[in-house]
PDB file of N, CA and C in Angstrom:
ATOM      1  N   UNK A   1      97.498  15.334  27.724  1.00  0.00           N
ATOM      2  CA  UNK A   1      96.930  14.264  26.938  1.00  0.00           C
ATOM      3  C   UNK A   1      97.102  14.598  25.455  1.00  0.00           C
ATOM      4  N   UNK A   2      97.659  13.674  24.697  1.00  0.00           N
ATOM      5  CA  UNK A   2      97.851  13.942  23.276  1.00  0.00           C
ATOM      6  C   UNK A   2      96.584  13.615  22.489  1.00  0.00           C
ATOM      7  N   UNK A   3      96.396  14.335  21.426  1.00  0.00           N
ATOM      8  CA  UNK A   3      95.219  14.141  20.595  1.00  0.00           C
ATOM      9  C   UNK A   3      95.475  13.036  19.582  1.00  0.00           C
ATOM     10  N   UNK A   4      94.407  12.372  19.188  1.00  0.00           N
ATOM     11  CA  UNK A   4      94.529  11.387  18.127  1.00  0.00           C
ATOM     12  C   UNK A   4      94.565  12.112  16.783  1.00  0.00           C
ATOM     13  N   UNK A   5      94.967  11.412  15.765  1.00  0.00           N
ATOM     14  CA  UNK A   5      94.994  11.978  14.423  1.00  0.00           C
ATOM     15  C   UNK A   5      93.593  12.441  14.041  1.00  0.00           C
ATOM     16  N   UNK A   6      92.627  11.617  14.365  1.00  0.00           N
ATOM     17  CA  UNK A   6      91.243  11.949  14.020  1.00  0.00           C
ATOM     18  C   UNK A   6      90.796  13.238  14.713  1.00  0.00           C
ATOM     19  N   UNK A   7      91.155  13.406  15.980  1.00  0.00           N
ATOM     20  CA  UNK A   7      90.798  14.626  16.705  1.00  0.00           C
ATOM     21  C   UNK A   7      91.473  15.849  16.091  1.00  0.00           C
ATOM     22  N   UNK A   8      92.731  15.698  15.686  1.00  0.00           N
ATOM     23  CA  UNK A   8      93.442  16.815  15.064  1.00  0.00           C
ATOM     24  C   UNK A   8      92.782  17.203  13.741  1.00  0.00           C
ATOM     25  N   UNK A   9      92.384  16.203  12.971  1.00  0.00           N
ATOM     26  CA  UNK A   9      91.714  16.476  11.699  1.00  0.00           C
ATOM     27  C   UNK A   9      90.363  17.128  11.952  1.00  0.00           C
ATOM     28  N   UNK A  10      89.637  16.636  12.936  1.00  0.00           N
ATOM     29  CA  UNK A  10      88.333  17.224  13.255  1.00  0.00           C
ATOM     30  C   UNK A  10      88.445  18.704  13.620  1.00  0.00           C
ATOM     31  N   UNK A  11      89.514  19.069  14.313  1.00  0.00           N
ATOM     32  CA  UNK A  11      89.754  20.474  14.644  1.00  0.00           C
ATOM     33  C   UNK A  11      89.943  21.285  13.361  1.00  0.00           C
ATOM     34  N   UNK A  12      90.720  20.749  12.423  1.00  0.00           N
ATOM     35  CA  UNK A  12      90.953  21.439  11.150  1.00  0.00           C
ATOM     36  C   UNK A  12      89.635  21.591  10.385  1.00  0.00           C
ATOM     37  N   UNK A  13      88.860  20.534  10.333  1.00  0.00           N
ATOM     38  CA  UNK A  13      87.585  20.560   9.610  1.00  0.00           C
ATOM     39  C   UNK A  13      86.651  21.605  10.221  1.00  0.00           C
ATOM     40  N   UNK A  14      86.604  21.633  11.539  1.00  0.00           N
ATOM     41  CA  UNK A  14      85.752  22.627  12.209  1.00  0.00           C
ATOM     42  C   UNK A  14      86.207  24.040  11.868  1.00  0.00           C
ATOM     43  N   UNK A  15      87.514  24.249  11.872  1.00  0.00           N
ATOM     44  CA  UNK A  15      88.054  25.573  11.547  1.00  0.00           C
ATOM     45  C   UNK A  15      87.711  25.950  10.105  1.00  0.00           C
ATOM     46  N   UNK A  16      87.779  24.991   9.196  1.00  0.00           N
ATOM     47  CA  UNK A  16      87.518  25.273   7.789  1.00  0.00           C
ATOM     48  C   UNK A  16      86.039  25.513   7.496  1.00  0.00           C
ATOM     49  N   UNK A  17      85.174  25.143   8.410  1.00  0.00           N
ATOM     50  CA  UNK A  17      83.752  25.444   8.228  1.00  0.00           C
ATOM     51  C   UNK A  17      83.511  26.946   8.249  1.00  0.00           C
ATOM     52  N   UNK A  18      84.426  27.664   8.872  1.00  0.00           N
ATOM     53  CA  UNK A  18      84.354  29.126   8.936  1.00  0.00           C
ATOM     54  C   UNK A  18      85.279  29.733   7.888  1.00  0.00           C
ATOM     55  N   UNK A  19      85.284  29.152   6.707  1.00  0.00           N
ATOM     56  CA  UNK A  19      86.240  29.539   5.668  1.00  0.00           C
ATOM     57  C   UNK A  19      86.145  31.015   5.298  1.00  0.00           C
ATOM     58  N   UNK A  20      84.982  31.610   5.418  1.00  0.00           N
ATOM     59  CA  UNK A  20      84.838  33.031   5.073  1.00  0.00           C
ATOM     60  C   UNK A  20      85.665  33.937   5.980  1.00  0.00           C
ATOM     61  N   UNK A  21      85.959  33.468   7.176  1.00  0.00           N
ATOM     62  CA  UNK A  21      86.725  34.287   8.111  1.00  0.00           C
ATOM     63  C   UNK A  21      88.233  34.042   8.000  1.00  0.00           C
ATOM     64  N   UNK A  22      88.640  33.165   7.084  1.00  0.00           N
ATOM     65  CA  UNK A  22      90.063  32.833   6.934  1.00  0.00           C
ATOM     66  C   UNK A  22      90.657  33.518   5.716  1.00  0.00           C
ATOM     67  N   UNK A  23      91.903  33.917   5.846  1.00  0.00           N
ATOM     68  CA  UNK A  23      92.617  34.489   4.704  1.00  0.00           C
ATOM     69  C   UNK A  23      93.098  33.359   3.802  1.00  0.00           C
ATOM     70  N   UNK A  24      93.470  33.673   2.559  1.00  0.00           N
ATOM     71  CA  UNK A  24      94.013  32.636   1.678  1.00  0.00           C
ATOM     72  C   UNK A  24      95.239  31.937   2.283  1.00  0.00           C
ATOM     73  N   UNK A  25      96.055  32.715   3.010  1.00  0.00           N
ATOM     74  CA  UNK A  25      97.244  32.119   3.637  1.00  0.00           C
ATOM     75  C   UNK A  25      96.845  31.128   4.730  1.00  0.00           C
ATOM     76  N   UNK A  26      95.831  31.480   5.491  1.00  0.00           N
ATOM     77  CA  UNK A  26      95.371  30.573   6.551  1.00  0.00           C
ATOM     78  C   UNK A  26      94.761  29.298   5.956  1.00  0.00           C
ATOM     79  N   UNK A  27      94.009  29.458   4.888  1.00  0.00           N
ATOM     80  CA  UNK A  27      93.421  28.288   4.225  1.00  0.00           C
ATOM     81  C   UNK A  27      94.529  27.385   3.687  1.00  0.00           C
ATOM     82  N   UNK A  28      95.529  27.990   3.067  1.00  0.00           N
ATOM     83  CA  UNK A  28      96.654  27.215   2.536  1.00  0.00           C
ATOM     84  C   UNK A  28      97.395  26.492   3.659  1.00  0.00           C
ATOM     85  N   UNK A  29      97.573  27.167   4.772  1.00  0.00           N
ATOM     86  CA  UNK A  29      98.239  26.551   5.928  1.00  0.00           C
ATOM     87  C   UNK A  29      97.450  25.342   6.427  1.00  0.00           C
ATOM     88  N   UNK A  30      96.144  25.486   6.513  1.00  0.00           N
ATOM     89  CA  UNK A  30      95.292  24.371   6.954  1.00  0.00           C
ATOM     90  C   UNK A  30      95.387  23.214   5.970  1.00  0.00           C
ATOM     91  N   UNK A  31      95.449  23.530   4.681  1.00  0.00           N
ATOM     92  CA  UNK A  31      95.568  22.494   3.660  1.00  0.00           C
ATOM     93  C   UNK A  31      96.874  21.711   3.810  1.00  0.00           C
ATOM     94  N   UNK A  32      97.949  22.428   4.054  1.00  0.00           N
ATOM     95  CA  UNK A  32      99.253  21.780   4.247  1.00  0.00           C
ATOM     96  C   UNK A  32      99.211  20.872   5.481  1.00  0.00           C
ATOM     97  N   UNK A  33      98.631  21.378   6.554  1.00  0.00           N
ATOM     98  CA  UNK A  33      98.551  20.576   7.780  1.00  0.00           C
ATOM     99  C   UNK A  33      97.656  19.347   7.576  1.00  0.00           C
ATOM    100  N   UNK A  34      96.558  19.519   6.843  1.00  0.00           N
ATOM    101  CA  UNK A  34      95.704  18.368   6.536  1.00  0.00           C
ATOM    102  C   UNK A  34      96.454  17.334   5.700  1.00  0.00           C
ATOM    103  N   UNK A  35      97.272  17.807   4.762  1.00  0.00           N
ATOM    104  CA  UNK A  35      98.057  16.892   3.934  1.00  0.00           C
ATOM    105  C   UNK A  35      99.008  16.056   4.786  1.00  0.00           C
ATOM    106  N   UNK A  36      99.604  16.700   5.755  1.00  0.00           N
ATOM    107  CA  UNK A  36     100.496  15.994   6.665  1.00  0.00           C
ATOM    108  C   UNK A  36      99.734  14.943   7.476  1.00  0.00           C
ATOM    109  N   UNK A  37      98.581  15.329   7.964  1.00  0.00           N
ATOM    110  CA  UNK A  37      97.767  14.393   8.745  1.00  0.00           C
ATOM    111  C   UNK A  37      97.227  13.264   7.871  1.00  0.00           C
ATOM    112  N   UNK A  38      96.970  13.565   6.609  1.00  0.00           N
ATOM    113  CA  UNK A  38      96.457  12.561   5.685  1.00  0.00           C
ATOM    114  C   UNK A  38      97.448  11.411   5.520  1.00  0.00           C
ATOM    115  N   UNK A  39      98.730  11.726   5.530  1.00  0.00           N
ATOM    116  CA  UNK A  39      99.754  10.681   5.452  1.00  0.00           C
ATOM    117  C   UNK A  39      99.614   9.719   6.630  1.00  0.00           C
ATOM    118  N   UNK A  40      99.321  10.257   7.794  1.00  0.00           N
ATOM    119  CA  UNK A  40      99.129   9.414   8.976  1.00  0.00           C
ATOM    120  C   UNK A  40      97.856   8.574   8.855  1.00  0.00           C
ATOM    121  N   UNK A  41      96.813   9.164   8.296  1.00  0.00           N
ATOM    122  CA  UNK A  41      95.565   8.422   8.089  1.00  0.00           C
ATOM    123  C   UNK A  41      95.818   7.258   7.130  1.00  0.00           C
ATOM    124  N   UNK A  42      96.594   7.513   6.080  1.00  0.00           N
ATOM    125  CA  UNK A  42      96.876   6.449   5.123  1.00  0.00           C
ATOM    126  C   UNK A  42      97.706   5.331   5.741  1.00  0.00           C
ATOM    127  N   UNK A  43      98.563   5.675   6.668  1.00  0.00           N
ATOM    128  CA  UNK A  43      99.295   4.628   7.398  1.00  0.00           C
ATOM    129  C   UNK A  43      98.321   3.792   8.218  1.00  0.00           C
ATOM    130  N   UNK A  44      97.335   4.466   8.802  1.00  0.00           N
ATOM    131  CA  UNK A  44      96.299   3.748   9.563  1.00  0.00           C
ATOM    132  C   UNK A  44      95.539   2.783   8.664  1.00  0.00           C
ATOM    133  N   UNK A  45      95.294   3.173   7.424  1.00  0.00           N
ATOM    134  CA  UNK A  45      94.609   2.276   6.492  1.00  0.00           C
ATOM    135  C   UNK A  45      95.409   0.989   6.333  1.00  0.00           C
ATOM    136  N   UNK A  46      96.693   1.120   6.157  1.00  0.00           N
ATOM    137  CA  UNK A  46      97.556  -0.060   5.997  1.00  0.00           C
ATOM    138  C   UNK A  46      97.475  -0.939   7.244  1.00  0.00           C
ATOM    139  N   UNK A  47      97.587  -0.321   8.410  1.00  0.00           N
ATOM    140  CA  UNK A  47      97.536  -1.088   9.657  1.00  0.00           C
ATOM    141  C   UNK A  47      96.198  -1.802   9.820  1.00  0.00           C
ATOM    142  N   UNK A  48      95.111  -1.081   9.556  1.00  0.00           N
ATOM    143  CA  UNK A  48      93.782  -1.671   9.716  1.00  0.00           C
ATOM    144  C   UNK A  48      93.527  -2.765   8.671  1.00  0.00           C
ATOM    145  N   UNK A  49      94.031  -2.550   7.471  1.00  0.00           N
ATOM    146  CA  UNK A  49      93.868  -3.568   6.424  1.00  0.00           C
ATOM    147  C   UNK A  49      94.612  -4.837   6.805  1.00  0.00           C
ATOM    148  N   UNK A  50      95.794  -4.684   7.367  1.00  0.00           N
ATOM    149  CA  UNK A  50      96.558  -5.860   7.795  1.00  0.00           C
ATOM    150  C   UNK A  50      95.837  -6.585   8.928  1.00  0.00           C
ATOM    151  N   UNK A  51      95.249  -5.842   9.851  1.00  0.00           N
ATOM    152  CA  UNK A  51      94.469  -6.465  10.926  1.00  0.00           C
ATOM    153  C   UNK A  51      93.314  -7.265  10.345  1.00  0.00           C
ATOM    154  N   UNK A  52      92.617  -6.675   9.379  1.00  0.00           N
ATOM    155  CA  UNK A  52      91.505  -7.379   8.728  1.00  0.00           C
ATOM    156  C   UNK A  52      92.009  -8.624   7.997  1.00  0.00           C
ATOM    157  N   UNK A  53      93.134  -8.517   7.306  1.00  0.00           N
ATOM    158  CA  UNK A  53      93.679  -9.671   6.587  1.00  0.00           C
ATOM    159  C   UNK A  53      94.012 -10.822   7.535  1.00  0.00           C
ATOM    160  N   UNK A  54      94.493 -10.493   8.721  1.00  0.00           N
ATOM    161  CA  UNK A  54      94.773 -11.528   9.712  1.00  0.00           C
ATOM    162  C   UNK A  54      93.484 -12.227  10.137  1.00  0.00           C
ATOM    163  N   UNK A  55      92.429 -11.461  10.348  1.00  0.00           N
ATOM    164  CA  UNK A  55      91.133 -12.033  10.708  1.00  0.00           C
ATOM    165  C   UNK A  55      90.610 -12.896   9.567  1.00  0.00           C
ATOM    166  N   UNK A  56      90.726 -12.403   8.354  1.00  0.00           N
ATOM    167  CA  UNK A  56      90.269 -13.155   7.189  1.00  0.00           C
ATOM    168  C   UNK A  56      91.014 -14.478   7.071  1.00  0.00           C
ATOM    169  N   UNK A  57      92.293 -14.434   7.324  1.00  0.00           N
ATOM    170  CA  UNK A  57      93.099 -15.656   7.281  1.00  0.00           C
ATOM    171  C   UNK A  57      92.630 -16.657   8.333  1.00  0.00           C
ATOM    172  N   UNK A  58      92.352 -16.163   9.526  1.00  0.00           N
ATOM    173  CA  UNK A  58      91.842 -17.040  10.588  1.00  0.00           C
ATOM    174  C   UNK A  58      90.481 -17.618  10.219  1.00  0.00           C
ATOM    175  N   UNK A  59      89.647 -16.799   9.632  1.00  0.00           N
ATOM    176  CA  UNK A  59      88.310 -17.254   9.226  1.00  0.00           C
ATOM    177  C   UNK A  59      88.395 -18.314   8.133  1.00  0.00           C
ATOM    178  N   UNK A  60      89.371 -18.184   7.270  1.00  0.00           N
ATOM    179  CA  UNK A  60      89.547 -19.169   6.208  1.00  0.00           C
ATOM    180  C   UNK A  60      89.915 -20.532   6.797  1.00  0.00           C
ATOM    181  N   UNK A  61      90.717 -20.517   7.850  1.00  0.00           N
ATOM    182  CA  UNK A  61      91.063 -21.783   8.515  1.00  0.00           C
ATOM    183  C   UNK A  61      89.840 -22.412   9.177  1.00  0.00           C
ATOM    184  N   UNK A  62      88.968 -21.576   9.720  1.00  0.00           N
ATOM    185  CA  UNK A  62      87.774 -22.059  10.419  1.00  0.00           C
ATOM    186  C   UNK A  62      86.687 -22.506   9.436  1.00  0.00           C
ATOM    187  N   UNK A  63      86.418 -21.683   8.416  1.00  0.00           N
ATOM    188  CA  UNK A  63      85.267 -21.923   7.540  1.00  0.00           C
ATOM    189  C   UNK A  63      85.616 -22.634   6.240  1.00  0.00           C
ATOM    190  N   UNK A  64      86.867 -22.775   5.942  1.00  0.00           N
ATOM    191  CA  UNK A  64      87.408 -23.587   4.848  1.00  0.00           C
ATOM    192  C   UNK A  64      87.134 -23.092   3.432  1.00  0.00           C
ATOM    193  N   UNK A  65      86.137 -22.283   3.207  1.00  0.00           N
ATOM    194  CA  UNK A  65      85.919 -21.757   1.853  1.00  0.00           C
ATOM    195  C   UNK A  65      86.047 -20.234   1.884  1.00  0.00           C
ATOM    196  N   UNK A  66      86.671 -19.678   0.854  1.00  0.00           N
ATOM    197  CA  UNK A  66      86.847 -18.217   0.834  1.00  0.00           C
ATOM    198  C   UNK A  66      85.550 -17.412   0.962  1.00  0.00           C
ATOM    199  N   UNK A  67      84.474 -17.771   0.278  1.00  0.00           N
ATOM    200  CA  UNK A  67      83.258 -16.962   0.433  1.00  0.00           C
ATOM    201  C   UNK A  67      82.725 -16.938   1.870  1.00  0.00           C
ATOM    202  N   UNK A  68      82.703 -18.092   2.519  1.00  0.00           N
ATOM    203  CA  UNK A  68      82.227 -18.140   3.905  1.00  0.00           C
ATOM    204  C   UNK A  68      83.156 -17.358   4.825  1.00  0.00           C
ATOM    205  N   UNK A  69      84.442 -17.524   4.610  1.00  0.00           N
ATOM    206  CA  UNK A  69      85.426 -16.820   5.436  1.00  0.00           C
ATOM    207  C   UNK A  69      85.281 -15.315   5.270  1.00  0.00           C
ATOM    208  N   UNK A  70      85.079 -14.870   4.036  1.00  0.00           N
ATOM    209  CA  UNK A  70      84.954 -13.435   3.778  1.00  0.00           C
ATOM    210  C   UNK A  70      83.705 -12.872   4.444  1.00  0.00           C
ATOM    211  N   UNK A  71      82.605 -13.585   4.352  1.00  0.00           N
ATOM    212  CA  UNK A  71      81.365 -13.129   4.988  1.00  0.00           C
ATOM    213  C   UNK A  71      81.561 -12.991   6.492  1.00  0.00           C
ATOM    214  N   UNK A  72      82.187 -13.960   7.104  1.00  0.00           N
ATOM    215  CA  UNK A  72      82.432 -13.909   8.546  1.00  0.00           C
ATOM    216  C   UNK A  72      83.411 -12.801   8.919  1.00  0.00           C
ATOM    217  N   UNK A  73      84.461 -12.649   8.115  1.00  0.00           N
ATOM    218  CA  UNK A  73      85.471 -11.619   8.402  1.00  0.00           C
ATOM    219  C   UNK A  73      84.885 -10.220   8.267  1.00  0.00           C
ATOM    220  N   UNK A  74      83.951 -10.046   7.355  1.00  0.00           N
ATOM    221  CA  UNK A  74      83.348  -8.731   7.157  1.00  0.00           C
ATOM    222  C   UNK A  74      82.349  -8.360   8.251  1.00  0.00           C
ATOM    223  N   UNK A  75      82.114  -9.285   9.150  1.00  0.00           N
ATOM    224  CA  UNK A  75      81.231  -9.002  10.290  1.00  0.00           C
ATOM    225  C   UNK A  75      82.028  -8.707  11.555  1.00  0.00           C
ATOM    226  N   UNK A  76      83.306  -8.438  11.411  1.00  0.00           N
ATOM    227  CA  UNK A  76      84.173  -8.218  12.572  1.00  0.00           C
ATOM    228  C   UNK A  76      84.469  -6.734  12.774  1.00  0.00           C
ATOM    229  N   UNK A  77      84.875  -6.370  13.984  1.00  0.00           N
ATOM    230  CA  UNK A  77      85.286  -4.978  14.250  1.00  0.00           C
ATOM    231  C   UNK A  77      86.481  -4.543  13.393  1.00  0.00           C
ATOM    232  N   UNK A  78      87.353  -5.479  13.050  1.00  0.00           N
ATOM    233  CA  UNK A  78      88.517  -5.132  12.232  1.00  0.00           C
ATOM    234  C   UNK A  78      88.098  -4.643  10.848  1.00  0.00           C
ATOM    235  N   UNK A  79      87.080  -5.271  10.290  1.00  0.00           N
ATOM    236  CA  UNK A  79      86.592  -4.837   8.980  1.00  0.00           C
ATOM    237  C   UNK A  79      85.953  -3.457   9.094  1.00  0.00           C
ATOM    238  N   UNK A  80      85.152  -3.253  10.138  1.00  0.00           N
ATOM    239  CA  UNK A  80      84.523  -1.944  10.356  1.00  0.00           C
ATOM    240  C   UNK A  80      85.589  -0.866  10.529  1.00  0.00           C
ATOM    241  N   UNK A  81      86.640  -1.154  11.297  1.00  0.00           N
ATOM    242  CA  UNK A  81      87.722  -0.187  11.505  1.00  0.00           C
ATOM    243  C   UNK A  81      88.388   0.181  10.182  1.00  0.00           C
ATOM    244  N   UNK A  82      88.618  -0.813   9.344  1.00  0.00           N
ATOM    245  CA  UNK A  82      89.246  -0.580   8.048  1.00  0.00           C
ATOM    246  C   UNK A  82      88.351   0.309   7.181  1.00  0.00           C
ATOM    247  N   UNK A  83      87.066  -0.017   7.104  1.00  0.00           N
ATOM    248  CA  UNK A  83      86.140   0.792   6.312  1.00  0.00           C
ATOM    249  C   UNK A  83      86.064   2.228   6.834  1.00  0.00           C
ATOM    250  N   UNK A  84      86.040   2.365   8.145  1.00  0.00           N
ATOM    251  CA  UNK A  84      85.935   3.682   8.756  1.00  0.00           C
ATOM    252  C   UNK A  84      87.141   4.551   8.409  1.00  0.00           C
ATOM    253  N   UNK A  85      88.323   4.011   8.547  1.00  0.00           N
ATOM    254  CA  UNK A  85      89.526   4.809   8.271  1.00  0.00           C
ATOM    255  C   UNK A  85      89.658   5.095   6.776  1.00  0.00           C
ATOM    256  N   UNK A  86      89.201   4.197   5.922  1.00  0.00           N
ATOM    257  CA  UNK A  86      89.207   4.478   4.483  1.00  0.00           C
ATOM    258  C   UNK A  86      88.263   5.636   4.150  1.00  0.00           C
ATOM    259  N   UNK A  87      87.088   5.615   4.743  1.00  0.00           N
ATOM    260  CA  UNK A  87      86.129   6.701   4.509  1.00  0.00           C
ATOM    261  C   UNK A  87      86.691   8.022   5.020  1.00  0.00           C
ATOM    262  N   UNK A  88      87.351   7.978   6.170  1.00  0.00           N
ATOM    263  CA  UNK A  88      87.950   9.183   6.730  1.00  0.00           C
ATOM    264  C   UNK A  88      89.040   9.728   5.816  1.00  0.00           C
ATOM    265  N   UNK A  89      89.824   8.824   5.241  1.00  0.00           N
ATOM    266  CA  UNK A  89      90.885   9.234   4.322  1.00  0.00           C
ATOM    267  C   UNK A  89      90.297   9.939   3.106  1.00  0.00           C
ATOM    268  N   UNK A  90      89.225   9.406   2.573  1.00  0.00           N
ATOM    269  CA  UNK A  90      88.580  10.032   1.414  1.00  0.00           C
ATOM    270  C   UNK A  90      88.040  11.411   1.773  1.00  0.00           C
ATOM    271  N   UNK A  91      87.506  11.540   2.970  1.00  0.00           N
ATOM    272  CA  UNK A  91      86.999  12.845   3.420  1.00  0.00           C
ATOM    273  C   UNK A  91      88.134  13.857   3.549  1.00  0.00           C
ATOM    274  N   UNK A  92      89.237  13.433   4.104  1.00  0.00           N
ATOM    275  CA  UNK A  92      90.389  14.335   4.251  1.00  0.00           C
ATOM    276  C   UNK A  92      90.912  14.738   2.878  1.00  0.00           C
ATOM    277  N   UNK A  93      90.983  13.782   1.975  1.00  0.00           N
ATOM    278  CA  UNK A  93      91.436  14.080   0.617  1.00  0.00           C
ATOM    279  C   UNK A  93      90.536  15.137  -0.028  1.00  0.00           C
ATOM    280  N   UNK A  94      89.239  15.000   0.145  1.00  0.00           N
ATOM    281  CA  UNK A  94      88.310  15.978  -0.432  1.00  0.00           C
ATOM    282  C   UNK A  94      88.470  17.348   0.228  1.00  0.00           C
ATOM    283  N   UNK A  95      88.717  17.368   1.535  1.00  0.00           N
ATOM    284  CA  UNK A  95      88.950  18.642   2.219  1.00  0.00           C
ATOM    285  C   UNK A  95      90.205  19.318   1.672  1.00  0.00           C
ATOM    286  N   UNK A  96      91.232  18.550   1.398  1.00  0.00           N
ATOM    287  CA  UNK A  96      92.462  19.115   0.838  1.00  0.00           C
ATOM    288  C   UNK A  96      92.184  19.710  -0.537  1.00  0.00           C
ATOM    289  N   UNK A  97      91.471  18.969  -1.362  1.00  0.00           N
ATOM    290  CA  UNK A  97      91.116  19.489  -2.692  1.00  0.00           C
ATOM    291  C   UNK A  97      90.322  20.785  -2.579  1.00  0.00           C
ATOM    292  N   UNK A  98      89.364  20.782  -1.672  1.00  0.00           N
ATOM    293  CA  UNK A  98      88.509  21.949  -1.494  1.00  0.00           C
ATOM    294  C   UNK A  98      89.304  23.159  -1.012  1.00  0.00           C
ATOM    295  N   UNK A  99      90.213  22.940  -0.074  1.00  0.00           N
ATOM    296  CA  UNK A  99      91.009  24.067   0.431  1.00  0.00           C
ATOM    297  C   UNK A  99      91.917  24.617  -0.659  1.00  0.00           C
ATOM    298  N   UNK A 100      92.425  23.755  -1.502  1.00  0.00           N
ATOM    299  CA  UNK A 100      93.264  24.232  -2.615  1.00  0.00           C
ATOM    300  C   UNK A 100      92.440  25.089  -3.566  1.00  0.00           C
ATOM    301  N   UNK A 101      91.229  24.638  -3.859  1.00  0.00           N
ATOM    302  CA  UNK A 101      90.359  25.421  -4.741  1.00  0.00           C
ATOM    303  C   UNK A 101      89.994  26.762  -4.084  1.00  0.00           C
ATOM    304  N   UNK A 102      89.703  26.724  -2.793  1.00  0.00           N
ATOM    305  CA  UNK A 102      89.344  27.956  -2.080  1.00  0.00           C
ATOM    306  C   UNK A 102      90.513  28.934  -2.066  1.00  0.00           C
ATOM    307  N   UNK A 103      91.706  28.429  -1.887  1.00  0.00           N
ATOM    308  CA  UNK A 103      92.894  29.279  -1.883  1.00  0.00           C
ATOM    309  C   UNK A 103      93.093  29.929  -3.254  1.00  0.00           C
ATOM    310  N   UNK A 104      92.973  29.120  -4.279  1.00  0.00           N
ATOM    311  CA  UNK A 104      93.122  29.637  -5.643  1.00  0.00           C
ATOM    312  C   UNK A 104      92.082  30.703  -5.939  1.00  0.00           C
ATOM    313  N   UNK A 105      90.847  30.436  -5.569  1.00  0.00           N
ATOM    314  CA  UNK A 105      89.766  31.398  -5.804  1.00  0.00           C
ATOM    315  C   UNK A 105      89.999  32.697  -5.029  1.00  0.00           C
ATOM    316  N   UNK A 106      90.391  32.576  -3.775  1.00  0.00           N
ATOM    317  CA  UNK A 106      90.640  33.769  -2.956  1.00  0.00           C
ATOM    318  C   UNK A 106      91.794  34.590  -3.516  1.00  0.00           C
ATOM    319  N   UNK A 107      92.846  33.911  -3.963  1.00  0.00           N
ATOM    320  CA  UNK A 107      93.983  34.627  -4.550  1.00  0.00           C
ATOM    321  C   UNK A 107      93.573  35.329  -5.836  1.00  0.00           C
ATOM    322  N   UNK A 108      92.744  34.659  -6.634  1.00  0.00           N
ATOM    323  CA  UNK A 108      92.269  35.256  -7.874  1.00  0.00           C
ATOM    324  C   UNK A 108      91.422  36.502  -7.569  1.00  0.00           C
ATOM    325  N   UNK A 109      90.575  36.425  -6.578  1.00  0.00           N
ATOM    326  CA  UNK A 109      89.747  37.568  -6.189  1.00  0.00           C
ATOM    327  C   UNK A 109      90.609  38.729  -5.713  1.00  0.00           C
ATOM    328  N   UNK A 110      91.670  38.445  -4.965  1.00  0.00           N
ATOM    329  CA  UNK A 110      92.572  39.493  -4.510  1.00  0.00           C
ATOM    330  C   UNK A 110      93.277  40.170  -5.691  1.00  0.00           C
ATOM    331  N   UNK A 111      93.711  39.382  -6.662  1.00  0.00           N
ATOM    332  CA  UNK A 111      94.370  39.947  -7.846  1.00  0.00           C
ATOM    333  C   UNK A 111      93.411  40.832  -8.635  1.00  0.00           C
ATOM    334  N   UNK A 112      92.194  40.350  -8.798  1.00  0.00           N
ATOM    335  CA  UNK A 112      91.194  41.134  -9.544  1.00  0.00           C
ATOM    336  C   UNK A 112      90.806  42.414  -8.802  1.00  0.00           C
ATOM    337  N   UNK A 113      90.816  42.365  -7.494  1.00  0.00           N
ATOM    338  CA  UNK A 113      90.462  43.547  -6.710  1.00  0.00           C
ATOM    339  C   UNK A 113      91.518  44.646  -6.841  1.00  0.00           C
ATOM    340  N   UNK A 114      92.753  44.253  -7.118  1.00  0.00           N
ATOM    341  CA  UNK A 114      93.836  45.230  -7.269  1.00  0.00           C
ATOM    342  C   UNK A 114      93.668  46.024  -8.545  1.00  0.00           C
ATOM    343  N   UNK A 115      93.051  45.447  -9.549  1.00  0.00           N
ATOM    344  CA  UNK A 115      92.962  46.110 -10.855  1.00  0.00           C
ATOM    345  C   UNK A 115      91.615  46.596 -11.140  1.00  0.00           C
TER     346      UNK A 115
END
């Protein structure tokens, strides 16, 4: 059974919670892998946004005014899916930033320990 992108990211996040037990190289590797997965998450954003836009378009035909159509469209599973994947993307982006900072800090500590 293949894992979903979200499951793969969750594995990385769980591993990074134990950051003290990881070397700078391992942290950097996780960051690179998260970056790769982030590209897939961003593709999901596009797909989910297009699904929502289709629903919004249908709602506009039904409700005739943009405000009413938008209110109805925002109550659909497609809108929730879009919001969810956007939030996930932001979380992954922050994890990447954090791992880069952790790698830099760990490398700096190693350099200082040598001298």
